[in-house]
C-alpha cells in the first residue's frame, strides 16, 4: 500500500522484449533467405571463364559430374535417354536454354557427346555453366 506522500511512478515502456522480438524476426528472415536460392544442378566444380554471361530464362540443367553421372534438372538420366528427356521438357514453339553443368574434371569427349545430342533437338540453345575467376 502506498502512502499518499509517495509520487506516482507513471506508466513505463520496457523496450527490451520488443528488441528481442525484432531480433528474432530478423534472424528468421536471414535464415529463410538462405533457403531461397535455387540450385537445379548437382554440385560440380565449374571451370572459370571471364566472358561468362547470366541467362534470363529458366534453363534446363544437364549436369555431368567427375564420375560421369548424368542428371537432367536433378533427376538421374542415362546418356541414351538424354535427347528424349530434354525434348519432353522443351515447350513447343519456345526456344529453350539448356545449361551444361559439367565438372572441370569430366572427360572432354563426354561433354562433346552431350552437346552433340542436345544440338539435334530443335529450338534448343546451349550454354555452358562456368564460374568467374
N, C-alpha and C. Protein backbone atom coordinates (compact mmCIF):
# COMPACT_ATOMS: atom_id res chain seq x y z
N UNK A 1 0.83 -1.16 0.00
CA UNK A 1 0.00 0.00 0.00
C UNK A 1 0.88 1.23 0.00
N UNK A 2 0.51 2.20 -0.79
CA UNK A 2 1.30 3.42 -0.91
C UNK A 2 0.83 4.47 0.07
N UNK A 3 1.80 5.16 0.49
CA UNK A 3 1.46 6.30 1.34
C UNK A 3 1.09 7.47 0.42
N UNK A 4 0.25 8.33 0.85
CA UNK A 4 -0.17 9.43 -0.01
C UNK A 4 0.96 10.39 -0.34
N UNK A 5 2.07 10.32 0.32
CA UNK A 5 3.15 11.25 0.04
C UNK A 5 4.10 10.73 -1.05
N UNK A 6 4.00 9.44 -1.43
CA UNK A 6 4.88 8.89 -2.47
C UNK A 6 4.41 9.36 -3.85
N UNK A 7 5.33 9.76 -4.70
CA UNK A 7 4.91 10.18 -6.05
C UNK A 7 4.54 8.96 -6.89
N UNK A 8 3.60 9.14 -7.78
CA UNK A 8 3.16 8.07 -8.68
C UNK A 8 4.22 7.88 -9.76
N UNK A 9 4.77 6.66 -9.94
CA UNK A 9 5.84 6.48 -10.93
C UNK A 9 5.36 6.66 -12.37
N UNK A 10 4.11 6.52 -12.66
CA UNK A 10 3.58 6.70 -14.00
C UNK A 10 3.84 5.46 -14.86
N UNK A 11 3.25 5.43 -16.01
CA UNK A 11 3.44 4.27 -16.88
C UNK A 11 4.86 4.24 -17.46
N UNK A 12 5.37 3.03 -17.62
CA UNK A 12 6.70 2.86 -18.19
C UNK A 12 6.62 1.89 -19.36
N UNK A 13 7.44 2.13 -20.35
CA UNK A 13 7.51 1.25 -21.51
C UNK A 13 8.86 0.55 -21.46
N UNK A 14 8.81 -0.76 -21.37
CA UNK A 14 10.03 -1.56 -21.36
C UNK A 14 10.27 -2.05 -22.79
N UNK A 15 11.33 -1.58 -23.44
CA UNK A 15 11.56 -1.93 -24.84
C UNK A 15 12.43 -3.17 -25.02
N UNK A 16 12.94 -3.75 -23.98
CA UNK A 16 13.80 -4.94 -24.10
C UNK A 16 13.05 -6.10 -24.75
N UNK A 17 11.81 -6.43 -24.35
CA UNK A 17 11.10 -7.52 -25.04
C UNK A 17 10.85 -7.19 -26.51
N UNK A 18 10.61 -5.94 -26.83
CA UNK A 18 10.39 -5.56 -28.22
C UNK A 18 11.66 -5.77 -29.04
N UNK A 19 12.80 -5.43 -28.47
CA UNK A 19 14.08 -5.64 -29.17
C UNK A 19 14.31 -7.13 -29.39
N UNK A 20 13.97 -7.96 -28.40
CA UNK A 20 14.11 -9.41 -28.55
C UNK A 20 13.24 -9.93 -29.69
N UNK A 21 12.02 -9.45 -29.79
CA UNK A 21 11.11 -9.89 -30.85
C UNK A 21 11.64 -9.45 -32.22
N UNK A 22 12.08 -8.22 -32.34
CA UNK A 22 12.62 -7.71 -33.60
C UNK A 22 13.85 -8.53 -34.01
N UNK A 23 14.72 -8.82 -33.06
CA UNK A 23 15.91 -9.61 -33.35
C UNK A 23 15.53 -11.01 -33.81
N UNK A 24 14.54 -11.64 -33.17
CA UNK A 24 14.10 -12.97 -33.57
C UNK A 24 13.53 -12.96 -34.99
N UNK A 25 12.75 -11.93 -35.32
CA UNK A 25 12.21 -11.82 -36.68
C UNK A 25 13.33 -11.62 -37.69
N UNK A 26 14.30 -10.80 -37.37
CA UNK A 26 15.43 -10.57 -38.26
C UNK A 26 16.21 -11.86 -38.51
N UNK A 27 16.47 -12.62 -37.47
CA UNK A 27 17.17 -13.90 -37.63
C UNK A 27 16.36 -14.85 -38.49
N UNK A 28 15.05 -14.90 -38.29
CA UNK A 28 14.19 -15.76 -39.10
C UNK A 28 14.31 -15.40 -40.58
N UNK A 29 14.23 -14.13 -40.93
CA UNK A 29 14.30 -13.73 -42.33
C UNK A 29 15.68 -14.00 -42.93
N UNK A 30 16.73 -13.84 -42.16
CA UNK A 30 18.07 -14.13 -42.67
C UNK A 30 18.20 -15.62 -42.96
N UNK A 31 17.76 -16.45 -42.05
CA UNK A 31 17.86 -17.90 -42.25
C UNK A 31 16.96 -18.34 -43.40
N UNK A 32 15.76 -17.78 -43.48
CA UNK A 32 14.84 -18.15 -44.55
C UNK A 32 15.38 -17.74 -45.91
N UNK A 33 16.07 -16.61 -46.00
CA UNK A 33 16.60 -16.17 -47.29
C UNK A 33 17.71 -17.09 -47.79
N UNK A 34 18.37 -17.79 -46.89
CA UNK A 34 19.41 -18.72 -47.32
C UNK A 34 18.83 -19.90 -48.09
N UNK A 35 17.58 -20.24 -47.81
CA UNK A 35 16.95 -21.36 -48.48
C UNK A 35 16.22 -20.96 -49.75
N UNK A 36 16.23 -19.68 -50.10
CA UNK A 36 15.55 -19.21 -51.30
C UNK A 36 16.38 -19.36 -52.56
N UNK A 37 17.65 -19.68 -52.42
CA UNK A 37 18.47 -19.88 -53.60
C UNK A 37 18.02 -21.15 -54.30
N UNK A 38 18.04 -21.11 -55.59
CA UNK A 38 17.55 -22.22 -56.38
C UNK A 38 18.71 -22.88 -57.09
N UNK A 39 18.97 -24.10 -56.73
CA UNK A 39 20.06 -24.85 -57.35
C UNK A 39 19.44 -26.04 -58.07
N UNK A 40 19.56 -26.05 -59.39
CA UNK A 40 18.94 -27.12 -60.16
C UNK A 40 19.92 -28.18 -60.62
N UNK A 41 21.19 -27.95 -60.43
CA UNK A 41 22.17 -28.92 -60.87
C UNK A 41 22.85 -29.59 -59.69
N UNK A 42 23.69 -30.53 -60.01
CA UNK A 42 24.46 -31.20 -58.98
C UNK A 42 25.63 -30.31 -58.59
N UNK A 43 26.15 -30.48 -57.39
CA UNK A 43 27.32 -29.69 -57.02
C UNK A 43 28.55 -30.19 -57.78
N UNK A 44 29.01 -29.40 -58.72
CA UNK A 44 30.19 -29.74 -59.51
C UNK A 44 31.19 -28.60 -59.40
N UNK A 45 32.42 -28.89 -59.70
CA UNK A 45 33.48 -27.90 -59.67
C UNK A 45 33.56 -27.26 -61.06
N UNK A 46 32.93 -26.10 -61.24
CA UNK A 46 32.83 -25.46 -62.55
C UNK A 46 34.16 -24.84 -62.96
N UNK A 47 34.44 -24.87 -64.28
CA UNK A 47 35.63 -24.17 -64.76
C UNK A 47 35.41 -22.66 -64.73
N UNK A 48 36.49 -21.91 -64.80
CA UNK A 48 36.41 -20.44 -64.76
C UNK A 48 36.40 -19.89 -66.18
N UNK A 49 35.67 -18.77 -66.38
CA UNK A 49 35.64 -18.07 -67.67
C UNK A 49 35.36 -16.59 -67.42
N UNK A 50 36.18 -15.74 -67.99
CA UNK A 50 36.00 -14.30 -67.78
C UNK A 50 34.89 -13.72 -68.65
N UNK A 51 34.49 -14.40 -69.70
CA UNK A 51 33.47 -13.88 -70.61
C UNK A 51 32.10 -14.49 -70.35
N UNK A 52 31.86 -15.06 -69.19
CA UNK A 52 30.58 -15.69 -68.91
C UNK A 52 29.48 -14.64 -68.77
N UNK A 53 28.23 -15.04 -69.11
CA UNK A 53 27.07 -14.16 -69.06
C UNK A 53 25.95 -14.87 -68.31
N UNK A 54 25.13 -14.10 -67.61
CA UNK A 54 23.97 -14.66 -66.92
C UNK A 54 22.84 -14.87 -67.93
N UNK A 55 22.07 -15.94 -67.75
CA UNK A 55 20.94 -16.25 -68.62
C UNK A 55 19.66 -15.81 -67.94
N UNK A 56 18.71 -15.26 -68.72
CA UNK A 56 17.48 -14.71 -68.14
C UNK A 56 16.35 -15.73 -68.05
N UNK A 57 16.21 -16.61 -69.02
CA UNK A 57 15.10 -17.56 -69.00
C UNK A 57 15.44 -18.75 -68.11
N UNK A 58 14.41 -19.41 -67.54
CA UNK A 58 14.69 -20.57 -66.70
C UNK A 58 15.25 -21.71 -67.55
N UNK A 59 16.44 -22.14 -67.26
CA UNK A 59 17.08 -23.14 -68.12
C UNK A 59 16.72 -24.57 -67.74
N UNK A 60 17.02 -25.47 -68.65
CA UNK A 60 17.03 -26.89 -68.39
C UNK A 60 18.48 -27.22 -68.07
N UNK A 61 18.74 -27.79 -66.92
CA UNK A 61 20.11 -28.02 -66.48
C UNK A 61 20.48 -29.48 -66.67
N UNK A 62 21.53 -29.69 -67.46
CA UNK A 62 22.09 -31.02 -67.66
C UNK A 62 23.43 -31.04 -66.93
N UNK A 63 23.54 -31.88 -65.90
CA UNK A 63 24.75 -31.93 -65.09
C UNK A 63 25.50 -33.23 -65.33
N UNK A 64 26.82 -33.10 -65.38
CA UNK A 64 27.70 -34.25 -65.56
C UNK A 64 28.82 -34.10 -64.54
N UNK A 65 28.87 -35.04 -63.57
CA UNK A 65 29.91 -34.92 -62.55
C UNK A 65 31.19 -35.64 -62.99
N UNK A 66 32.20 -35.59 -62.15
CA UNK A 66 33.51 -36.14 -62.50
C UNK A 66 33.47 -37.65 -62.70
N UNK A 67 32.51 -38.34 -62.08
CA UNK A 67 32.39 -39.79 -62.25
C UNK A 67 31.59 -40.18 -63.48
N UNK A 68 31.02 -39.20 -64.20
CA UNK A 68 30.25 -39.49 -65.41
C UNK A 68 28.77 -39.65 -65.16
N UNK A 69 28.29 -39.35 -63.95
CA UNK A 69 26.85 -39.44 -63.64
C UNK A 69 26.13 -38.26 -64.29
N UNK A 70 25.03 -38.56 -64.98
CA UNK A 70 24.29 -37.56 -65.74
C UNK A 70 22.94 -37.32 -65.08
N UNK A 71 22.56 -36.04 -64.92
CA UNK A 71 21.23 -35.69 -64.41
C UNK A 71 20.65 -34.58 -65.28
N UNK A 72 19.33 -34.58 -65.37
CA UNK A 72 18.60 -33.52 -66.06
C UNK A 72 17.66 -32.90 -65.03
N UNK A 73 17.88 -31.64 -64.69
CA UNK A 73 17.12 -30.94 -63.64
C UNK A 73 17.09 -31.77 -62.36
N UNK A 74 18.26 -32.25 -61.95
CA UNK A 74 18.48 -33.02 -60.72
C UNK A 74 17.86 -34.41 -60.73
N UNK A 75 17.35 -34.87 -61.86
CA UNK A 75 16.80 -36.22 -61.97
C UNK A 75 17.80 -37.08 -62.74
N UNK A 76 18.19 -38.24 -62.19
CA UNK A 76 19.17 -39.09 -62.89
C UNK A 76 18.66 -39.49 -64.27
N UNK A 77 19.56 -39.54 -65.21
CA UNK A 77 19.21 -39.88 -66.59
C UNK A 77 20.37 -40.65 -67.20
N UNK A 78 20.04 -41.47 -68.17
CA UNK A 78 21.08 -42.19 -68.91
C UNK A 78 21.43 -41.38 -70.15
N UNK A 79 22.65 -41.54 -70.62
CA UNK A 79 23.09 -40.79 -71.79
C UNK A 79 22.24 -41.13 -73.02
N UNK A 80 21.80 -42.38 -73.10
CA UNK A 80 20.98 -42.79 -74.25
C UNK A 80 19.59 -42.14 -74.21
N UNK A 81 19.09 -41.81 -73.02
CA UNK A 81 17.76 -41.22 -72.88
C UNK A 81 17.79 -39.70 -72.83
N UNK A 82 18.95 -39.09 -72.96
CA UNK A 82 19.07 -37.64 -72.79
C UNK A 82 18.21 -36.87 -73.77
N UNK A 83 18.26 -37.22 -75.02
CA UNK A 83 17.51 -36.47 -76.03
C UNK A 83 16.01 -36.53 -75.76
N UNK A 84 15.49 -37.70 -75.44
CA UNK A 84 14.05 -37.85 -75.18
C UNK A 84 13.64 -37.09 -73.92
N UNK A 85 14.49 -37.12 -72.91
CA UNK A 85 14.19 -36.43 -71.66
C UNK A 85 14.12 -34.92 -71.87
N UNK A 86 15.08 -34.37 -72.59
CA UNK A 86 15.10 -32.92 -72.82
C UNK A 86 13.96 -32.51 -73.76
N UNK A 87 13.64 -33.33 -74.75
CA UNK A 87 12.53 -33.00 -75.66
C UNK A 87 11.21 -32.91 -74.90
N UNK A 88 11.04 -33.72 -73.85
CA UNK A 88 9.81 -33.62 -73.05
C UNK A 88 9.75 -32.32 -72.27
N UNK A 89 10.91 -31.76 -71.89
CA UNK A 89 10.94 -30.54 -71.10
C UNK A 89 10.83 -29.27 -71.94
N UNK A 90 11.15 -29.36 -73.23
CA UNK A 90 11.11 -28.19 -74.11
C UNK A 90 9.66 -27.91 -74.48
N UNK A 91 9.22 -26.67 -74.29
CA UNK A 91 7.87 -26.28 -74.67
C UNK A 91 7.84 -25.99 -76.16
N UNK A 92 6.85 -26.51 -76.87
CA UNK A 92 6.79 -26.30 -78.32
C UNK A 92 6.66 -24.83 -78.68
N UNK A 93 7.40 -24.40 -79.68
CA UNK A 93 7.33 -23.03 -80.17
C UNK A 93 8.12 -22.03 -79.36
N UNK A 94 8.73 -22.43 -78.27
CA UNK A 94 9.52 -21.51 -77.45
C UNK A 94 10.96 -22.02 -77.39
N UNK A 95 11.90 -21.15 -77.64
CA UNK A 95 13.30 -21.60 -77.55
C UNK A 95 13.65 -21.91 -76.10
N UNK A 96 14.42 -22.95 -75.92
CA UNK A 96 14.81 -23.36 -74.57
C UNK A 96 16.33 -23.27 -74.44
N UNK A 97 16.76 -22.84 -73.27
CA UNK A 97 18.19 -22.78 -72.97
C UNK A 97 18.52 -24.01 -72.14
N UNK A 98 19.46 -24.80 -72.64
CA UNK A 98 19.94 -25.97 -71.91
C UNK A 98 21.34 -25.64 -71.41
N UNK A 99 21.50 -25.65 -70.09
CA UNK A 99 22.78 -25.34 -69.49
C UNK A 99 23.50 -26.64 -69.18
N UNK A 100 24.70 -26.78 -69.72
CA UNK A 100 25.53 -27.94 -69.44
C UNK A 100 26.40 -27.58 -68.24
N UNK A 101 26.20 -28.32 -67.17
CA UNK A 101 26.84 -28.07 -65.90
C UNK A 101 27.83 -29.22 -65.67
N UNK A 102 29.00 -29.15 -66.32
CA UNK A 102 29.95 -30.26 -66.27
C UNK A 102 31.12 -29.93 -65.36
N UNK A 103 31.53 -30.89 -64.57
CA UNK A 103 32.68 -30.74 -63.69
C UNK A 103 33.93 -30.55 -64.54
N UNK A 104 34.87 -29.73 -64.05
CA UNK A 104 36.07 -29.47 -64.84
C UNK A 104 36.94 -30.71 -64.98
N UNK A 105 36.73 -31.72 -64.16
CA UNK A 105 37.48 -32.97 -64.27
C UNK A 105 36.82 -34.00 -65.16
N UNK A 106 35.70 -33.63 -65.78
CA UNK A 106 34.97 -34.55 -66.65
C UNK A 106 35.71 -34.75 -67.97
N UNK A 107 35.58 -35.94 -68.51
CA UNK A 107 36.19 -36.26 -69.80
C UNK A 107 35.60 -35.34 -70.87
N UNK A 108 36.46 -34.70 -71.63
CA UNK A 108 36.04 -33.76 -72.68
C UNK A 108 35.15 -34.44 -73.72
N UNK A 109 35.42 -35.69 -74.02
CA UNK A 109 34.62 -36.43 -75.01
C UNK A 109 33.18 -36.60 -74.56
N UNK A 110 32.96 -36.80 -73.26
CA UNK A 110 31.59 -36.94 -72.77
C UNK A 110 30.81 -35.64 -72.93
N UNK A 111 31.47 -34.51 -72.69
CA UNK A 111 30.80 -33.22 -72.83
C UNK A 111 30.45 -32.97 -74.30
N UNK A 112 31.35 -33.29 -75.20
CA UNK A 112 31.08 -33.10 -76.62
C UNK A 112 29.94 -34.00 -77.07
N UNK A 113 29.88 -35.22 -76.57
CA UNK A 113 28.79 -36.13 -76.91
C UNK A 113 27.45 -35.57 -76.43
N UNK A 114 27.43 -35.01 -75.20
CA UNK A 114 26.21 -34.38 -74.69
C UNK A 114 25.78 -33.21 -75.58
N UNK A 115 26.75 -32.36 -75.92
CA UNK A 115 26.45 -31.20 -76.75
C UNK A 115 25.90 -31.64 -78.11
N UNK A 116 26.47 -32.68 -78.68
CA UNK A 116 26.00 -33.17 -79.98
C UNK A 116 24.56 -33.67 -79.88
N UNK A 117 24.24 -34.40 -78.82
CA UNK A 117 22.87 -34.89 -78.65
C UNK A 117 21.89 -33.74 -78.46
N UNK A 118 22.29 -32.74 -77.70
CA UNK A 118 21.39 -31.61 -77.42
C UNK A 118 21.20 -30.70 -78.63
N UNK A 119 22.22 -30.58 -79.46
CA UNK A 119 22.09 -29.72 -80.64
C UNK A 119 21.14 -30.31 -81.67
N UNK A 120 20.83 -31.58 -81.59
CA UNK A 120 19.91 -32.22 -82.53
C UNK A 120 18.44 -31.93 -82.19
N UNK A 121 18.18 -31.35 -81.03
CA UNK A 121 16.81 -31.03 -80.62
C UNK A 121 16.46 -29.65 -81.16
N UNK A 122 15.37 -29.52 -81.94
CA UNK A 122 15.01 -28.21 -82.47
C UNK A 122 14.58 -27.24 -81.37
N UNK A 123 15.02 -25.99 -81.50
CA UNK A 123 14.65 -24.93 -80.57
C UNK A 123 15.49 -24.88 -79.31
N UNK A 124 16.58 -25.64 -79.25
CA UNK A 124 17.41 -25.67 -78.06
C UNK A 124 18.66 -24.83 -78.29
N UNK A 125 18.93 -23.94 -77.33
CA UNK A 125 20.18 -23.17 -77.32
C UNK A 125 21.03 -23.70 -76.18
N UNK A 126 22.30 -23.87 -76.43
CA UNK A 126 23.19 -24.43 -75.42
C UNK A 126 23.94 -23.34 -74.67
N UNK A 127 24.19 -23.58 -73.41
CA UNK A 127 25.03 -22.72 -72.59
C UNK A 127 25.86 -23.63 -71.70
N UNK A 128 27.05 -23.19 -71.41
CA UNK A 128 27.94 -23.97 -70.54
C UNK A 128 28.14 -23.18 -69.26
N UNK A 129 27.84 -23.82 -68.12
CA UNK A 129 27.96 -23.17 -66.82
C UNK A 129 29.43 -23.02 -66.45
N UNK A 130 29.79 -21.82 -65.98
CA UNK A 130 31.15 -21.54 -65.51
C UNK A 130 31.04 -20.71 -64.26
N UNK A 131 32.16 -20.46 -63.64
CA UNK A 131 32.21 -19.54 -62.52
C UNK A 131 33.26 -18.49 -62.83
N UNK A 132 33.07 -17.30 -62.32
CA UNK A 132 34.02 -16.22 -62.56
C UNK A 132 35.28 -16.48 -61.76
N UNK A 133 36.44 -16.16 -62.34
CA UNK A 133 37.71 -16.39 -61.63
C UNK A 133 37.89 -15.45 -60.46
